[in-house]
Amino acid sequence: MDFPVDSGLGQFAMVAGAHFLALLSPGPDFFLVVRSALVHGVGRASAVCLGIALGNGVFIGLAIAGLAATRASHGVFLLLQWAGCAYLAWLGWRLLRASGETTLPGADGQQVLPGAGHREYAAQLLSGFLSAVLNPKNALFYASLFAVLAGSRTPLAVQLGYGTWMFAMVFGWDMLVAWGVRHPLVRTRFARSVRAVERATGVVLWGIALVVAANALNAT
């Protein structure tokens, strides 16, 4: 059955579908969640997932408020691009410099390394938040999506509902990824190659940082 895009159900299908396709595209957040889940377990990876969701929530809130069209302000968008580039490069450098032995957590997903506590959870949450909030693609995605909704005169209450849905989907999807990579089959495969995973993640993050830098240079 086909639904017109301007109908309530049709519009929701459009918004939810576009958002889910964006979630399926691997980016810095995905690799950060995978690395955290493999090395630290689901408990601390959940902090990364929550931080990522909160970072997305910032852009969702700005978009609903009509302030997220950062590309309209060339200086603000350019600053966001370079800040994101610097953060991704720094995170990639940390992962590439990782050395020594790392023991994966037990099968129950609990952290077995010492020092886990509120401070470590906050650090993981901040890591996820910065990964999301310094990604200019997130700003553009939500600004574009909510610009379409504003153009179709979607009521504010409905936009808030969409924003709540997207926040929950970001957190839920990342948690699903964290649980998935902890599956015994996946965990066994990566158990002896944690450092290789970290270094591969570092290379990917550097590659993304280079793409962001190239886009920032082209925009100047």
C-alpha atoms as a PDB file:
ATOM      1  CA  MET A   1       0.000   0.000   0.000  1.00  0.00           C
ATOM      2  CA  ASP A   2       1.367   3.437  -0.980  1.00  0.00           C
ATOM      3  CA  PHE A   3       1.060   6.452   1.309  1.00  0.00           C
ATOM      4  CA  PRO A   4       1.351  10.054   0.109  1.00  0.00           C
ATOM      5  CA  VAL A   5       4.457  11.736   1.457  1.00  0.00           C
ATOM      6  CA  ASP A   6       2.432  14.594   2.934  1.00  0.00           C
ATOM      7  CA  SER A   7       0.313  12.185   4.993  1.00  0.00           C
ATOM      8  CA  GLY A   8       1.260  11.541   8.615  1.00  0.00           C
ATOM      9  CA  LEU A   9       2.257   7.924   8.034  1.00  0.00           C
ATOM     10  CA  GLY A  10       3.939   8.662   4.719  1.00  0.00           C
ATOM     11  CA  GLN A  11       5.982  11.481   6.221  1.00  0.00           C
ATOM     12  CA  PHE A  12       7.028   9.342   9.171  1.00  0.00           C
ATOM     13  CA  ALA A  13       8.112   6.564   6.781  1.00  0.00           C
ATOM     14  CA  MET A  14      10.185   9.085   4.843  1.00  0.00           C
ATOM     15  CA  VAL A  15      11.831  10.534   7.954  1.00  0.00           C
ATOM     16  CA  ALA A  16      12.433   7.170   9.659  1.00  0.00           C
ATOM     17  CA  GLY A  17      13.710   5.591   6.430  1.00  0.00           C
ATOM     18  CA  ALA A  18      16.158   8.391   5.662  1.00  0.00           C
ATOM     19  CA  HIS A  19      17.413   8.361   9.236  1.00  0.00           C
ATOM     20  CA  PHE A  20      17.850   4.583   9.333  1.00  0.00           C
ATOM     21  CA  LEU A  21      19.785   4.595   6.047  1.00  0.00           C
ATOM     22  CA  ALA A  22      22.074   7.234   7.568  1.00  0.00           C
ATOM     23  CA  LEU A  23      22.617   4.969  10.591  1.00  0.00           C
ATOM     24  CA  LEU A  24      23.586   2.083   8.303  1.00  0.00           C
ATOM     25  CA  SER A  25      26.446   4.120   6.830  1.00  0.00           C
ATOM     26  CA  PRO A  26      29.591   3.373   8.908  1.00  0.00           C
ATOM     27  CA  GLY A  27      31.325   6.453  10.251  1.00  0.00           C
ATOM     28  CA  PRO A  28      33.512   7.489  13.198  1.00  0.00           C
ATOM     29  CA  ASP A  29      30.719   6.702  15.666  1.00  0.00           C
ATOM     30  CA  PHE A  30      30.382   3.130  14.394  1.00  0.00           C
ATOM     31  CA  PHE A  31      34.073   2.353  14.718  1.00  0.00           C
ATOM     32  CA  LEU A  32      34.221   3.983  18.139  1.00  0.00           C
ATOM     33  CA  VAL A  33      31.355   1.796  19.393  1.00  0.00           C
ATOM     34  CA  VAL A  34      32.905  -1.378  17.933  1.00  0.00           C
ATOM     35  CA  ARG A  35      36.304  -0.683  19.467  1.00  0.00           C
ATOM     36  CA  SER A  36      34.830   0.190  22.873  1.00  0.00           C
ATOM     37  CA  ALA A  37      32.617  -2.913  22.944  1.00  0.00           C
ATOM     38  CA  LEU A  38      35.462  -5.259  21.991  1.00  0.00           C
ATOM     39  CA  VAL A  39      38.010  -3.799  24.378  1.00  0.00           C
ATOM     40  CA  HIS A  40      35.905  -2.642  27.334  1.00  0.00           C
ATOM     41  CA  GLY A  41      32.633  -4.566  27.089  1.00  0.00           C
ATOM     42  CA  VAL A  42      29.045  -3.481  26.629  1.00  0.00           C
ATOM     43  CA  GLY A  43      28.899  -1.656  29.975  1.00  0.00           C
ATOM     44  CA  ARG A  44      31.398   1.030  29.017  1.00  0.00           C
ATOM     45  CA  ALA A  45      30.370   0.922  25.361  1.00  0.00           C
ATOM     46  CA  SER A  46      26.895   1.978  26.494  1.00  0.00           C
ATOM     47  CA  ALA A  47      28.453   5.252  27.684  1.00  0.00           C
ATOM     48  CA  VAL A  48      29.867   5.819  24.199  1.00  0.00           C
ATOM     49  CA  CYS A  49      26.450   5.021  22.706  1.00  0.00           C
ATOM     50  CA  LEU A  50      24.724   7.477  25.033  1.00  0.00           C
ATOM     51  CA  GLY A  51      27.306  10.166  24.261  1.00  0.00           C
ATOM     52  CA  ILE A  52      26.759   9.666  20.519  1.00  0.00           C
ATOM     53  CA  ALA A  53      22.995   9.906  20.993  1.00  0.00           C
ATOM     54  CA  LEU A  54      23.410  13.119  23.018  1.00  0.00           C
ATOM     55  CA  GLY A  55      25.650  14.590  20.317  1.00  0.00           C
ATOM     56  CA  ASN A  56      22.999  13.816  17.717  1.00  0.00           C
ATOM     57  CA  GLY A  57      20.437  15.258  20.103  1.00  0.00           C
ATOM     58  CA  VAL A  58      22.255  18.603  20.028  1.00  0.00           C
ATOM     59  CA  PHE A  59      21.814  18.842  16.257  1.00  0.00           C
ATOM     60  CA  ILE A  60      18.243  17.577  16.442  1.00  0.00           C
ATOM     61  CA  GLY A  61      17.436  20.284  18.982  1.00  0.00           C
ATOM     62  CA  LEU A  62      19.155  22.982  16.915  1.00  0.00           C
ATOM     63  CA  ALA A  63      17.373  21.832  13.767  1.00  0.00           C
ATOM     64  CA  ILE A  64      13.967  21.929  15.433  1.00  0.00           C
ATOM     65  CA  ALA A  65      14.776  25.396  16.805  1.00  0.00           C
ATOM     66  CA  GLY A  66      15.668  26.510  13.294  1.00  0.00           C
ATOM     67  CA  LEU A  67      19.311  27.203  14.216  1.00  0.00           C
ATOM     68  CA  ALA A  68      21.024  24.183  12.679  1.00  0.00           C
ATOM     69  CA  ALA A  69      21.443  25.526   9.152  1.00  0.00           C
ATOM     70  CA  THR A  70      25.150  25.929   9.882  1.00  0.00           C
ATOM     71  CA  ARG A  71      26.018  25.920   6.217  1.00  0.00           C
ATOM     72  CA  ALA A  72      24.164  29.223   5.873  1.00  0.00           C
ATOM     73  CA  SER A  73      26.780  30.631   8.251  1.00  0.00           C
ATOM     74  CA  HIS A  74      29.942  29.849   6.334  1.00  0.00           C
ATOM     75  CA  GLY A  75      32.304  30.636   9.219  1.00  0.00           C
ATOM     76  CA  VAL A  76      30.443  28.472  11.732  1.00  0.00           C
ATOM     77  CA  PHE A  77      30.257  25.492   9.392  1.00  0.00           C
ATOM     78  CA  LEU A  78      33.931  25.821   8.438  1.00  0.00           C
ATOM     79  CA  LEU A  79      34.931  25.950  12.119  1.00  0.00           C
ATOM     80  CA  LEU A  80      32.857  22.827  12.775  1.00  0.00           C
ATOM     81  CA  GLN A  81      34.573  21.008   9.907  1.00  0.00           C
ATOM     82  CA  TRP A  82      38.084  21.803  11.149  1.00  0.00           C
ATOM     83  CA  ALA A  83      37.202  20.969  14.756  1.00  0.00           C
ATOM     84  CA  GLY A  84      35.822  17.621  13.639  1.00  0.00           C
ATOM     85  CA  CYS A  85      38.907  16.990  11.502  1.00  0.00           C
ATOM     86  CA  ALA A  86      41.225  17.725  14.441  1.00  0.00           C
ATOM     87  CA  TYR A  87      39.274  15.478  16.813  1.00  0.00           C
ATOM     88  CA  LEU A  88      39.187  12.540  14.373  1.00  0.00           C
ATOM     89  CA  ALA A  89      42.925  12.906  13.690  1.00  0.00           C
ATOM     90  CA  TRP A  90      43.666  13.000  17.432  1.00  0.00           C
ATOM     91  CA  LEU A  91      41.479   9.964  18.120  1.00  0.00           C
ATOM     92  CA  GLY A  92      43.064   8.061  15.239  1.00  0.00           C
ATOM     93  CA  TRP A  93      46.548   8.958  16.509  1.00  0.00           C
ATOM     94  CA  ARG A  94      45.692   7.583  19.965  1.00  0.00           C
ATOM     95  CA  LEU A  95      44.506   4.297  18.493  1.00  0.00           C
ATOM     96  CA  LEU A  96      47.509   3.959  16.179  1.00  0.00           C
ATOM     97  CA  ARG A  97      49.865   4.508  19.129  1.00  0.00           C
ATOM     98  CA  ALA A  98      48.129   1.853  21.248  1.00  0.00           C
ATOM     99  CA  SER A  99      50.631  -0.712  22.454  1.00  0.00           C
ATOM    100  CA  GLY A 100      50.906  -3.563  24.881  1.00  0.00           C
ATOM    101  CA  GLU A 101      48.557  -6.394  25.762  1.00  0.00           C
ATOM    102  CA  THR A 102      44.844  -5.903  26.060  1.00  0.00           C
ATOM    103  CA  THR A 103      42.522  -8.450  27.665  1.00  0.00           C
ATOM    104  CA  LEU A 104      38.973  -8.555  26.376  1.00  0.00           C
ATOM    105  CA  PRO A 105      36.205  -8.526  29.006  1.00  0.00           C
ATOM    106  CA  GLY A 106      34.444 -11.673  30.049  1.00  0.00           C
ATOM    107  CA  ALA A 107      31.491 -13.111  28.167  1.00  0.00           C
ATOM    108  CA  ASP A 108      29.050 -11.474  30.567  1.00  0.00           C
ATOM    109  CA  GLY A 109      30.071  -8.085  29.124  1.00  0.00           C
ATOM    110  CA  GLN A 110      31.350  -6.739  32.423  1.00  0.00           C
ATOM    111  CA  GLN A 111      34.580  -4.820  32.593  1.00  0.00           C
ATOM    112  CA  VAL A 112      37.411  -6.840  34.092  1.00  0.00           C
ATOM    113  CA  LEU A 113      40.073  -4.149  33.926  1.00  0.00           C
ATOM    114  CA  PRO A 114      40.717  -2.091  37.066  1.00  0.00           C
ATOM    115  CA  GLY A 115      39.728   1.532  37.371  1.00  0.00           C
ATOM    116  CA  ALA A 116      36.181   1.295  36.005  1.00  0.00           C
ATOM    117  CA  GLY A 117      33.935   3.809  37.706  1.00  0.00           C
ATOM    118  CA  HIS A 118      31.965   6.992  37.274  1.00  0.00           C
ATOM    119  CA  ARG A 119      34.997   8.889  36.017  1.00  0.00           C
ATOM    120  CA  GLU A 120      35.757   6.309  33.337  1.00  0.00           C
ATOM    121  CA  TYR A 121      32.093   6.157  32.320  1.00  0.00           C
ATOM    122  CA  ALA A 122      32.054   9.950  31.965  1.00  0.00           C
ATOM    123  CA  ALA A 123      35.211   9.811  29.830  1.00  0.00           C
ATOM    124  CA  GLN A 124      33.621   7.237  27.516  1.00  0.00           C
ATOM    125  CA  LEU A 125      30.432   9.303  27.323  1.00  0.00           C
ATOM    126  CA  LEU A 126      32.433  12.429  26.441  1.00  0.00           C
ATOM    127  CA  SER A 127      34.316  10.490  23.772  1.00  0.00           C
ATOM    128  CA  GLY A 128      31.063   9.452  22.106  1.00  0.00           C
ATOM    129  CA  PHE A 129      29.568  12.940  22.441  1.00  0.00           C
ATOM    130  CA  LEU A 130      32.563  14.634  20.814  1.00  0.00           C
ATOM    131  CA  SER A 131      32.615  12.068  18.013  1.00  0.00           C
ATOM    132  CA  ALA A 132      29.005  12.926  17.141  1.00  0.00           C
ATOM    133  CA  VAL A 133      28.922  16.664  17.801  1.00  0.00           C
ATOM    134  CA  LEU A 134      32.158  17.346  15.870  1.00  0.00           C
ATOM    135  CA  ASN A 135      30.938  15.473  12.807  1.00  0.00           C
ATOM    136  CA  PRO A 136      29.721  18.095  10.300  1.00  0.00           C
ATOM    137  CA  LYS A 137      27.778  15.431   8.402  1.00  0.00           C
ATOM    138  CA  ASN A 138      25.448  15.135  11.382  1.00  0.00           C
ATOM    139  CA  ALA A 139      24.804  18.880  11.340  1.00  0.00           C
ATOM    140  CA  LEU A 140      24.037  18.858   7.624  1.00  0.00           C
ATOM    141  CA  PHE A 141      21.852  15.750   7.797  1.00  0.00           C
ATOM    142  CA  TYR A 142      19.556  17.014  10.546  1.00  0.00           C
ATOM    143  CA  ALA A 143      19.489  20.563   9.172  1.00  0.00           C
ATOM    144  CA  SER A 144      18.442  19.257   5.753  1.00  0.00           C
ATOM    145  CA  LEU A 145      15.899  16.789   7.106  1.00  0.00           C
ATOM    146  CA  PHE A 146      14.177  19.276   9.389  1.00  0.00           C
ATOM    147  CA  ALA A 147      14.301  21.963   6.686  1.00  0.00           C
ATOM    148  CA  VAL A 148      12.134  19.655   4.590  1.00  0.00           C
ATOM    149  CA  LEU A 149       9.759  19.193   7.529  1.00  0.00           C
ATOM    150  CA  ALA A 150       9.610  22.943   8.130  1.00  0.00           C
ATOM    151  CA  GLY A 151       8.901  23.512   4.445  1.00  0.00           C
ATOM    152  CA  SER A 152       5.958  21.122   4.630  1.00  0.00           C
ATOM    153  CA  ARG A 153       4.642  23.036   7.683  1.00  0.00           C
ATOM    154  CA  THR A 154       4.956  20.028   9.985  1.00  0.00           C
ATOM    155  CA  PRO A 155       3.644  20.981  13.446  1.00  0.00           C
ATOM    156  CA  LEU A 156       6.249  21.540  16.157  1.00  0.00           C
ATOM    157  CA  ALA A 157       4.806  18.741  18.290  1.00  0.00           C
ATOM    158  CA  VAL A 158       5.250  16.291  15.407  1.00  0.00           C
ATOM    159  CA  GLN A 159       8.828  17.476  14.827  1.00  0.00           C
ATOM    160  CA  LEU A 160       9.549  16.937  18.521  1.00  0.00           C
ATOM    161  CA  GLY A 161       8.156  13.425  18.181  1.00  0.00           C
ATOM    162  CA  TYR A 162      10.434  12.762  15.211  1.00  0.00           C
ATOM    163  CA  GLY A 163      13.392  14.120  17.147  1.00  0.00           C
ATOM    164  CA  THR A 164      12.663  11.862  20.109  1.00  0.00           C
ATOM    165  CA  TRP A 165      12.331   8.887  17.763  1.00  0.00           C
ATOM    166  CA  MET A 166      15.683   9.631  16.087  1.00  0.00           C
ATOM    167  CA  PHE A 167      17.460  10.087  19.425  1.00  0.00           C
ATOM    168  CA  ALA A 168      16.137   6.701  20.595  1.00  0.00           C
ATOM    169  CA  MET A 169      17.063   5.053  17.288  1.00  0.00           C
ATOM    170  CA  VAL A 170      20.659   6.344  17.428  1.00  0.00           C
ATOM    171  CA  PHE A 171      21.109   5.000  20.943  1.00  0.00           C
ATOM    172  CA  GLY A 172      19.307   1.726  20.213  1.00  0.00           C
ATOM    173  CA  TRP A 173      21.210   1.051  16.990  1.00  0.00           C
ATOM    174  CA  ASP A 174      24.601   1.721  18.560  1.00  0.00           C
ATOM    175  CA  MET A 175      23.739  -0.534  21.500  1.00  0.00           C
ATOM    176  CA  LEU A 176      22.725  -3.243  19.018  1.00  0.00           C
ATOM    177  CA  VAL A 177      26.105  -2.857  17.310  1.00  0.00           C
ATOM    178  CA  ALA A 178      27.864  -3.099  20.694  1.00  0.00           C
ATOM    179  CA  TRP A 179      25.966  -6.273  21.598  1.00  0.00           C
ATOM    180  CA  GLY A 180      26.483  -7.733  18.113  1.00  0.00           C
ATOM    181  CA  VAL A 181      30.266  -7.454  18.134  1.00  0.00           C
ATOM    182  CA  ARG A 182      30.260  -9.129  21.561  1.00  0.00           C
ATOM    183  CA  HIS A 183      28.650 -12.248  20.103  1.00  0.00           C
ATOM    184  CA  PRO A 184      30.860 -15.290  20.877  1.00  0.00           C
ATOM    185  CA  LEU A 185      31.567 -15.952  17.190  1.00  0.00           C
ATOM    186  CA  VAL A 186      32.607 -12.364  16.526  1.00  0.00           C
ATOM    187  CA  ARG A 187      34.446 -12.089  19.835  1.00  0.00           C
ATOM    188  CA  THR A 188      36.436 -15.260  19.204  1.00  0.00           C
ATOM    189  CA  ARG A 189      37.494 -13.993  15.811  1.00  0.00           C
ATOM    190  CA  PHE A 190      38.754 -10.684  17.207  1.00  0.00           C
ATOM    191  CA  ALA A 191      40.049 -11.916  20.556  1.00  0.00           C
ATOM    192  CA  ARG A 192      43.607 -12.295  19.265  1.00  0.00           C
ATOM    193  CA  SER A 193      43.627  -9.185  17.118  1.00  0.00           C
ATOM    194  CA  VAL A 194      42.432  -6.357  19.353  1.00  0.00           C
ATOM    195  CA  ARG A 195      45.423  -4.191  18.508  1.00  0.00           C
ATOM    196  CA  ALA A 196      44.877  -4.800  14.791  1.00  0.00           C
ATOM    197  CA  VAL A 197      41.270  -3.655  15.230  1.00  0.00           C
ATOM    198  CA  GLU A 198      42.432  -0.534  17.064  1.00  0.00           C
ATOM    199  CA  ARG A 199      45.011   0.322  14.424  1.00  0.00           C
ATOM    200  CA  ALA A 200      42.564  -0.352  11.600  1.00  0.00           C
ATOM    201  CA  THR A 201      40.095   1.941  13.344  1.00  0.00           C
ATOM    202  CA  GLY A 202      42.808   4.594  13.660  1.00  0.00           C
ATOM    203  CA  VAL A 203      43.541   4.401   9.927  1.00  0.00           C
ATOM    204  CA  VAL A 204      39.842   4.689   9.087  1.00  0.00           C
ATOM    205  CA  LEU A 205      39.460   7.726  11.357  1.00  0.00           C
ATOM    206  CA  TRP A 206      42.476   9.382   9.748  1.00  0.00           C
ATOM    207  CA  GLY A 207      40.966   8.701   6.326  1.00  0.00           C
ATOM    208  CA  ILE A 208      37.692  10.329   7.376  1.00  0.00           C
ATOM    209  CA  ALA A 209      39.632  13.268   8.846  1.00  0.00           C
ATOM    210  CA  LEU A 210      41.426  13.758   5.505  1.00  0.00           C
ATOM    211  CA  VAL A 211      38.098  13.772   3.646  1.00  0.00           C
ATOM    212  CA  VAL A 212      36.695  16.359   6.067  1.00  0.00           C
ATOM    213  CA  ALA A 213      39.845  18.483   5.668  1.00  0.00           C
ATOM    214  CA  ALA A 214      39.616  18.284   1.873  1.00  0.00           C
ATOM    215  CA  ASN A 215      35.984  19.409   1.992  1.00  0.00           C
ATOM    216  CA  ALA A 216      36.904  22.270   4.337  1.00  0.00           C
ATOM    217  CA  LEU A 217      39.694  23.418   1.976  1.00  0.00           C
ATOM    218  CA  ASN A 218      37.363  23.277  -1.015  1.00  0.00           C
ATOM    219  CA  ALA A 219      34.840  25.394   0.891  1.00  0.00           C
ATOM    220  CA  THR A 220      37.349  28.198   1.502  1.00  0.00           C
END
